[in-house]
Protein backbone atom coordinates (compact mmCIF):
# COMPACT_ATOMS: atom_id res chain seq x y z
CA MET A 1 194.39 -85.96 20.86
CA ASN A 2 194.13 -83.01 23.13
CA THR A 3 190.86 -81.20 22.48
CA GLN A 4 188.94 -78.60 24.47
CA ASN A 5 185.16 -77.64 23.68
CA THR A 6 183.01 -75.26 25.78
CA PRO A 7 179.30 -76.41 25.38
CA VAL A 8 176.62 -73.90 25.39
CA HIS A 9 173.75 -74.28 27.84
CA ILE A 10 170.61 -72.26 27.59
CA ARG A 11 170.28 -72.19 31.43
CA LEU A 12 173.33 -69.87 31.68
CA TRP A 13 171.48 -66.97 29.95
CA HIS A 14 169.09 -65.92 32.87
CA LYS A 15 168.40 -62.27 33.71
CA ASN A 16 171.44 -61.83 36.21
CA PHE A 17 173.99 -63.18 33.76
CA TRP A 18 172.64 -60.96 31.03
CA CYS A 19 172.64 -57.79 33.15
CA LEU A 20 176.43 -58.54 34.13
CA ALA A 21 177.33 -59.39 30.61
CA LEU A 22 175.86 -56.20 29.25
CA ALA A 23 177.56 -54.13 32.11
CA TYR A 24 180.79 -55.73 31.05
CA LEU A 25 180.09 -54.55 27.37
CA PHE A 26 179.35 -51.10 28.37
CA MET A 27 182.54 -50.87 30.60
CA SER A 28 184.55 -52.22 27.43
CA VAL A 29 182.91 -49.69 25.16
CA ALA A 30 183.75 -46.76 27.56
CA LEU A 31 187.51 -47.90 27.91
CA TYR A 32 188.04 -48.47 24.31
CA SER A 33 186.46 -45.25 23.08
CA PHE A 34 189.68 -43.45 24.08
CA VAL A 35 191.93 -45.68 21.69
CA PRO A 36 191.53 -43.06 18.74
CA ALA A 37 190.52 -39.91 20.42
CA LEU A 38 193.01 -39.60 23.42
CA PRO A 39 195.99 -39.26 21.37
CA LEU A 40 194.56 -36.65 18.95
CA TRP A 41 193.45 -34.62 22.10
CA LEU A 42 196.82 -34.91 23.94
CA ILE A 43 198.62 -33.55 20.67
CA GLY A 44 196.22 -31.22 19.28
CA ASN A 45 194.91 -29.57 22.47
CA GLN A 46 197.48 -30.24 25.12
CA GLY A 47 200.47 -29.78 22.75
CA MET A 48 202.23 -33.01 23.98
CA SER A 49 205.13 -34.52 22.28
CA THR A 50 205.03 -38.03 20.86
CA TRP A 51 206.92 -39.57 23.93
CA GLN A 52 204.51 -37.69 26.36
CA THR A 53 201.47 -38.99 24.56
CA ALA A 54 203.05 -42.51 24.57
CA LEU A 55 203.57 -42.22 28.19
CA SER A 56 199.94 -41.16 28.99
CA LEU A 57 198.72 -44.29 26.77
CA PHE A 58 200.99 -46.62 28.84
CA CYS A 59 199.85 -45.25 32.15
CA PHE A 60 196.39 -47.13 32.02
CA GLY A 61 198.09 -50.25 31.48
CA GLY A 62 200.56 -49.59 34.48
CA GLY A 63 197.54 -48.32 36.56
CA ILE A 64 195.71 -51.60 36.30
CA TRP A 65 198.49 -53.14 38.41
CA LEU A 66 198.14 -50.61 41.35
CA SER A 67 194.97 -51.79 42.71
CA GLY A 68 194.91 -55.60 41.84
CA GLY A 69 196.72 -56.70 44.92
CA PHE A 70 194.01 -55.31 47.24
CA CYS A 71 191.19 -56.97 45.30
CA ASN A 72 191.05 -60.02 47.50
CA PHE A 73 191.10 -58.11 50.70
CA LEU A 74 188.39 -55.51 49.57
CA THR A 75 185.98 -58.30 48.34
CA GLN A 76 186.47 -60.46 51.37
CA ARG A 77 185.98 -57.39 53.81
CA TYR A 78 183.13 -55.70 51.98
CA ARG A 79 180.29 -56.89 49.83
CA ARG A 80 181.67 -57.68 46.46
CA ASN A 81 179.03 -55.97 44.28
CA ASN A 82 179.69 -52.71 46.46
CA VAL A 83 183.30 -52.92 45.67
CA CYS A 84 182.61 -53.16 42.02
CA VAL A 85 180.03 -50.33 42.04
CA VAL A 86 182.30 -47.94 44.03
CA SER A 87 185.18 -48.75 41.59
CA VAL A 88 182.97 -47.80 38.89
CA ILE A 89 181.78 -44.67 40.55
CA ALA A 90 185.33 -43.64 41.15
CA ALA A 91 186.01 -44.16 37.37
CA VAL A 92 183.25 -41.82 36.62
CA ILE A 93 184.61 -39.18 38.97
CA ILE A 94 188.01 -39.38 37.37
CA LEU A 95 186.38 -38.96 33.78
CA ALA A 96 184.41 -35.99 35.24
CA ALA A 97 187.62 -34.42 36.23
CA HIS A 98 189.18 -35.02 32.80
CA TYR A 99 185.95 -33.33 31.33
CA TYR A 100 186.36 -30.41 33.39
CA ILE A 101 190.01 -29.86 32.00
CA VAL A 102 188.90 -30.28 28.51
CA SER A 103 185.83 -27.97 28.82
CA GLU A 104 187.71 -25.29 30.47
CA LYS A 105 190.43 -25.59 27.80
CA MET A 106 193.07 -25.84 30.43
CA GLN A 107 196.71 -26.63 29.79
CA VAL A 108 197.83 -29.20 32.25
CA PRO A 109 201.27 -30.68 32.86
CA LEU A 110 202.10 -34.25 31.95
CA TRP A 111 202.14 -35.44 35.54
CA ILE A 112 198.29 -34.59 35.84
CA ILE A 113 197.38 -36.46 32.86
CA ALA A 114 199.68 -39.32 33.81
CA ALA A 115 198.08 -39.25 37.39
CA LEU A 116 194.46 -39.37 35.96
CA ARG A 117 195.52 -42.22 33.65
CA LEU A 118 197.00 -44.24 36.32
CA ALA A 119 194.11 -43.60 38.67
CA PHE A 120 191.58 -44.61 35.93
CA GLY A 121 193.43 -47.83 35.11
CA ALA A 122 193.49 -48.57 38.93
CA VAL A 123 189.60 -48.13 39.52
CA PHE A 124 188.74 -49.66 36.19
CA GLY A 125 191.05 -52.60 36.69
CA MET A 126 189.32 -53.30 40.15
CA ALA A 127 185.97 -53.02 38.79
CA GLN A 128 186.85 -55.50 35.89
CA MET A 129 188.48 -58.03 38.20
CA VAL A 130 185.44 -58.04 40.64
CA LEU A 131 183.02 -58.27 37.86
CA SER A 132 184.41 -60.68 35.54
CA GLY A 133 186.23 -62.73 38.15
CA ILE A 134 183.77 -62.76 41.26
CA LEU A 135 180.28 -61.34 40.41
CA VAL A 136 179.59 -63.52 37.26
CA ILE A 137 180.68 -66.74 39.26
CA ASP A 138 178.40 -65.85 42.23
CA VAL A 139 175.21 -65.85 39.89
CA CYS A 140 176.07 -68.90 37.97
CA GLU A 141 175.98 -72.76 38.83
CA SER A 142 179.28 -74.36 39.21
CA TYR A 143 178.81 -76.41 36.12
CA ASN A 144 178.26 -73.20 34.06
CA ARG A 145 181.12 -71.14 35.30
CA THR A 146 183.82 -71.76 32.42
CA GLU A 147 180.95 -71.17 29.92
CA ALA A 148 180.06 -68.03 31.68
CA ASN A 149 183.62 -66.65 31.80
CA TYR A 150 184.11 -67.48 28.07
CA CYS A 151 180.99 -65.80 27.23
CA MET A 152 181.51 -62.64 29.21
CA SER A 153 184.83 -62.10 27.58
CA TRP A 154 183.21 -62.14 24.26
CA PHE A 155 180.97 -59.12 25.52
CA TYR A 156 184.01 -57.30 26.40
CA ARG A 157 185.93 -58.24 23.11
CA PHE A 158 183.21 -56.83 21.07
CA GLY A 159 183.70 -53.57 22.96
CA LEU A 160 187.06 -53.55 21.59
CA SER A 161 185.69 -52.59 18.15
CA LEU A 162 182.47 -50.72 18.99
CA GLY A 163 184.31 -48.33 21.48
CA PRO A 164 186.67 -46.89 19.05
CA ILE A 165 183.87 -46.51 16.53
CA ALA A 166 182.35 -44.02 19.10
CA GLY A 167 185.74 -42.50 19.54
CA VAL A 168 186.39 -41.97 15.78
CA ILE A 169 182.95 -40.42 15.21
CA ALA A 170 183.40 -38.08 18.06
CA GLY A 171 186.93 -37.20 16.93
CA MET A 172 185.76 -36.45 13.49
CA PHE A 173 184.04 -33.34 15.09
CA GLY A 174 187.01 -32.60 17.05
CA CYS A 175 185.04 -33.22 20.21
CA PHE A 176 186.91 -34.99 22.85
CA GLN A 177 184.34 -33.66 25.33
CA GLY A 178 181.84 -35.95 23.51
CA VAL A 179 184.07 -39.05 24.00
CA LEU A 180 184.31 -38.37 27.66
CA LEU A 181 180.58 -37.87 28.05
CA PHE A 182 179.96 -41.04 26.10
CA ALA A 183 182.33 -42.99 28.49
CA ILE A 184 180.62 -41.58 31.47
CA VAL A 185 177.10 -42.55 30.39
CA CYS A 186 178.37 -46.05 29.53
CA LEU A 187 179.77 -46.51 32.96
CA VAL A 188 176.74 -45.23 34.68
CA VAL A 189 174.67 -47.68 32.61
CA ALA A 190 177.09 -50.43 33.62
CA MET A 191 176.72 -49.50 37.14
CA MET A 192 172.94 -49.44 36.96
CA LEU A 193 173.02 -53.04 35.40
CA ILE A 194 175.11 -54.37 38.27
CA LEU A 195 172.76 -52.85 40.79
CA THR A 196 169.86 -54.65 39.53
CA VAL A 197 171.37 -57.91 40.29
CA SER A 198 170.97 -59.66 43.59
CA PHE A 199 173.87 -61.27 45.12
CA PRO A 200 174.13 -63.82 48.02
CA PHE A 201 175.42 -62.67 51.24
CA ARG A 202 178.86 -63.86 52.40
CA ALA A 203 180.36 -63.40 55.77
CA PRO A 204 183.37 -61.21 55.88
CA ASP A 205 186.70 -62.78 56.46
CA ASP A 206 188.77 -60.81 58.98
CA ASN A 207 192.01 -62.82 58.43
CA VAL A 208 192.92 -61.64 54.96
CA PRO A 209 196.02 -59.83 54.19
CA VAL A 210 195.78 -56.33 52.98
CA PHE A 211 197.75 -57.11 49.86
CA GLY A 212 198.15 -60.37 48.01
CA LEU A 213 198.31 -62.33 44.83
CA ASP A 214 194.82 -64.05 45.41
CA ARG A 215 192.24 -62.82 42.86
CA PHE A 216 195.08 -60.75 41.30
CA PHE A 217 197.72 -62.78 39.60
CA LEU A 218 198.29 -66.47 39.04
CA PRO A 219 201.86 -67.32 39.54
CA GLN A 220 201.86 -70.63 37.62
CA GLY A 221 200.49 -68.74 34.69
CA TRP A 222 203.30 -66.26 34.32
CA LEU A 223 204.68 -67.80 31.05
CA LEU A 224 201.25 -67.86 29.52
CA SER A 225 200.79 -64.31 30.66
CA VAL A 226 203.79 -63.07 29.00
CA THR A 227 202.87 -64.79 25.69
CA LEU A 228 199.21 -62.90 25.83
CA LEU A 229 200.96 -59.76 26.84
CA LEU A 230 203.18 -59.94 23.51
CA PHE A 231 200.16 -60.83 21.39
CA ALA A 232 198.04 -58.01 22.91
CA ALA A 233 200.83 -55.69 22.25
CA VAL A 234 200.62 -56.45 18.46
CA VAL A 235 197.02 -55.60 18.71
CA GLY A 236 197.75 -52.30 20.54
CA MET A 237 200.52 -51.43 17.84
CA VAL A 238 197.88 -51.75 15.00
CA PHE A 239 195.37 -49.65 16.89
CA SER A 240 198.05 -46.85 17.41
CA VAL A 241 198.19 -46.21 13.61
CA ILE A 242 194.75 -47.32 12.00
CA HIS A 243 191.84 -45.34 13.34
CA SER A 244 189.05 -45.55 10.73
CA ILE A 245 185.56 -46.52 11.18
CA GLU A 246 185.79 -49.09 8.41
CA PHE A 247 188.63 -50.74 10.15
CA PHE A 248 186.98 -51.18 13.48
CA SER A 249 183.67 -52.18 11.66
CA MET A 250 185.42 -54.99 9.78
CA LEU A 251 187.16 -56.01 13.04
CA ALA A 252 183.85 -56.59 14.54
CA THR A 253 182.82 -58.72 11.57
CA GLY A 254 186.14 -60.79 12.28
CA PHE A 255 184.96 -61.26 15.83
CA LEU A 256 181.56 -62.64 14.79
CA LEU A 257 183.16 -64.95 12.46
CA SER A 258 185.55 -66.07 15.17
CA VAL A 259 182.69 -66.89 17.37
CA ILE A 260 181.07 -69.06 14.53
CA ALA A 261 184.46 -70.64 13.78
CA GLN A 262 185.01 -71.62 17.49
CA ARG A 263 181.68 -73.39 17.57
CA ILE A 264 181.71 -75.05 14.31
CA VAL A 265 185.38 -75.26 12.60
CA PHE A 266 187.25 -75.78 15.93
CA ALA A 267 184.75 -77.47 17.97
CA ASP A 268 186.67 -80.70 18.33
CA ALA A 269 189.81 -79.59 16.65
CA GLU A 270 193.27 -80.39 18.16
CA LEU A 271 193.95 -77.95 21.09
CA LYS A 272 196.76 -76.07 19.69
CA SER A 273 195.14 -75.51 16.23
CA GLU A 274 193.07 -72.64 17.27
CA VAL A 275 195.99 -70.53 18.68
CA ILE A 276 198.24 -71.41 15.62
CA ALA A 277 195.19 -70.61 13.18
CA GLY A 278 194.67 -67.15 14.95
CA LEU A 279 198.30 -66.25 14.93
CA LEU A 280 198.53 -67.19 11.28
CA LEU A 281 195.63 -64.98 10.37
CA VAL A 282 197.06 -61.93 12.35
CA GLY A 283 200.39 -62.38 10.75
CA THR A 284 198.80 -62.61 7.18
CA ALA A 285 196.71 -59.54 7.98
CA LEU A 286 199.85 -57.56 8.89
CA LEU A 287 201.75 -58.82 5.96
CA LEU A 288 198.94 -57.68 3.67
CA GLN A 289 198.99 -54.20 5.30
CA VAL A 290 202.70 -53.85 4.67
CA THR A 291 203.16 -55.34 1.15
CA ARG A 292 199.69 -54.49 -0.55
CA SER A 293 198.12 -51.18 -1.38
CA LEU A 294 194.77 -52.42 -3.01
CA SER A 295 191.75 -50.97 -1.63
CA VAL A 296 190.43 -54.54 -0.74
CA VAL A 297 193.14 -54.85 1.66
CA SER A 298 191.46 -52.27 3.97
CA LEU A 299 188.40 -54.58 4.04
CA VAL A 300 190.04 -58.03 4.24
CA MET A 301 192.71 -57.01 6.74
CA PRO A 302 190.77 -56.04 9.68
CA VAL A 303 188.45 -59.01 9.11
CA MET A 304 191.46 -61.30 9.32
CA MET A 305 192.71 -59.31 12.39
CA GLY A 306 189.44 -59.83 14.17
CA LEU A 307 188.99 -63.59 13.37
CA GLY A 308 192.52 -64.17 14.49
CA ILE A 309 192.24 -61.94 17.77
CA GLY A 310 189.16 -63.67 18.60
CA LEU A 311 190.71 -67.43 18.21
CA VAL A 312 193.85 -66.64 20.14
CA SER A 313 192.38 -64.43 23.02
CA GLY A 314 189.28 -66.74 23.44
CA ARG A 315 191.44 -69.94 23.61
CA PHE A 316 194.08 -68.27 26.00
CA LEU A 317 191.22 -67.42 28.46
CA LEU A 318 190.42 -70.87 28.77
CA PHE A 319 193.97 -71.89 29.10
CA PHE A 320 194.33 -69.64 32.16
CA ILE A 321 191.29 -71.26 33.59
CA LYS A 322 192.69 -74.80 33.18
CA LEU A 323 195.96 -73.72 34.71
CA SER A 324 194.32 -72.39 37.94
CA ARG A 325 193.85 -74.60 40.98
CA HIS A 326 190.68 -75.06 43.10
CA CYS A 327 189.13 -71.57 44.12
CA GLN A 328 191.58 -69.84 41.71
CA ARG A 329 188.98 -69.29 38.83
CA GLY A 330 188.76 -65.51 39.72
CA THR A 331 192.66 -65.18 39.88
CA SER A 332 192.88 -66.80 36.39
CA GLN A 333 190.50 -64.04 34.94
CA SER A 334 192.32 -61.28 36.63
CA THR A 335 195.53 -62.63 35.18
CA TYR A 336 194.22 -62.85 31.85
CA ASN A 337 192.53 -59.23 31.96
CA ILE A 338 195.82 -57.52 33.34
CA SER A 339 197.95 -59.34 30.87
CA TRP A 340 195.78 -58.24 27.99
CA GLU A 341 195.24 -54.62 28.98
CA THR A 342 198.75 -54.24 29.99
CA GLY A 343 199.96 -55.55 26.54
CA LEU A 344 197.37 -53.64 24.60
CA TRP A 345 198.20 -50.30 26.05
CA THR A 346 201.93 -50.74 26.01
CA GLY A 347 201.58 -51.77 22.31
CA MET A 348 199.56 -48.54 21.63
CA ALA A 349 202.35 -46.54 23.46
CA VAL A 350 205.29 -48.26 21.64
CA GLY A 351 203.47 -48.14 18.19
CA PHE A 352 202.53 -44.55 18.70
CA LEU A 353 206.17 -43.69 19.73
CA ILE A 354 207.64 -45.60 16.61
CA GLY A 355 204.81 -44.66 13.96
CA ASN A 356 204.66 -40.72 14.77
CA ASN A 357 206.98 -37.70 14.69
CA GLU A 358 206.45 -34.30 15.92
CA GLN A 359 205.20 -32.87 12.85
CA GLN A 360 202.50 -35.34 11.59
CA TYR A 361 200.16 -37.80 13.20
CA GLY A 362 200.24 -41.51 12.11
CA VAL A 363 202.96 -41.19 9.46
CA ASN A 364 204.54 -44.61 9.23
CA ASP A 365 202.00 -47.45 9.68
CA SER A 366 204.12 -49.75 7.59
CA LEU A 367 207.00 -49.71 9.92
CA VAL A 368 204.73 -50.36 12.94
CA CYS A 369 202.86 -53.19 11.19
CA SER A 370 206.17 -54.62 10.14
CA ILE A 371 207.53 -54.63 13.68
CA ALA A 372 204.20 -56.22 14.82
CA PHE A 373 204.51 -58.98 12.13
CA TRP A 374 207.92 -60.12 13.58
CA ILE A 375 206.46 -60.07 17.23
CA VAL A 376 203.56 -62.35 15.75
CA VAL A 377 206.29 -64.63 14.13
CA ALA A 378 208.16 -64.86 17.54
CA VAL A 379 204.95 -65.51 19.35
CA LEU A 380 203.97 -68.22 16.96
CA LEU A 381 207.31 -70.08 17.36
CA LEU A 382 207.34 -69.61 20.90
CA TYR A 383 203.84 -71.07 21.46
CA ASN A 384 204.34 -73.86 18.85
CA PHE A 385 207.57 -75.33 20.16
CA ALA A 386 207.52 -74.18 23.96
CA ILE A 387 204.37 -72.74 25.63
CA HIS A 388 201.91 -75.47 24.37
CA LYS A 389 203.84 -78.29 25.70
CA TRP A 390 204.48 -76.24 28.94
CA TYR A 391 200.72 -75.69 29.15
CA LEU A 392 199.93 -79.43 28.77
CA HIS A 393 202.48 -80.24 31.48
CA HIS A 394 201.18 -77.73 34.11
CA LYS A 395 197.30 -77.47 33.51
CA ASN A 396 195.30 -78.64 36.39
CA ARG A 397 191.64 -79.23 34.86
């Protein structure tokens, strides 16, 4: 029986790891605070149409691909922690430019918003790749690195629910400036946490190509990447039409249950059971959202979503690590991150485009959730009958 369990070692949780993990959490919260707030501002204050708003949402997912190919060159040529810190500073500057536009009540054309989102995706993606795929590995012993990557991903995942709660609260007061300030503060805190960590010096390598796939994309994991992208798109579609504090609070509860389930229920279960169970939970949650109107659904649905998302995404991260060859751990992390972010923001754009019209915001969540449900069904069939066997054949660890 193929099983895969990631043990917990108390020695992993030293000061440096805690600082990096918390920095990753603050970065996640900063990013996802825009999930509910950005579309409202684009439509309500900038007067953008549905397709223009959808394009603006998509630009972050596209921007993350712009800088990834330079990650290996920059981290080999310069100190890795400095590359991460400079990327975070660049992200803060971009948000500050955005804040100026909002505070001055400026009406700007679509290309400026798109350019800001692309640039933010590029620098944020660079910081994310360096932090999750390089810096955390540098501060951990070799036998703890898989566990470190796994635990770091959970800090980032909880930001998926905590960030939108902050965005919703600010949006309730009609204050997109508040969201921007909050995101800036979170990024500054993340930067300060990274600066408190000491990293070993590594001699620069002068024979590295300026652009390459190393530390960016894992070619042998492309099929798994497509599968994760489709699943993340489902999550993004749901996020495009459901923006309540109650939803994201219960989503966090589902994440917590997922951590417990992975450690207890699925500790020694058959390898594919975790992904299958997660996809069934997400599919059932979407089916409840579409077919039932009871008030209890608004509580049960996000818990099931959070539990399912945690099971699937957590296991897929380990799959990417097992697919990588020697010295490709950082590349596997980056591939996982860009697949998730691209899918999530593409799903938000598609869901927003389908579920909204020019007169009313968030008018057809049933249609969006119905389409998302059938995508989950497709992913479930694809994984069960093709992807899992492919993974077992191609894994290297």
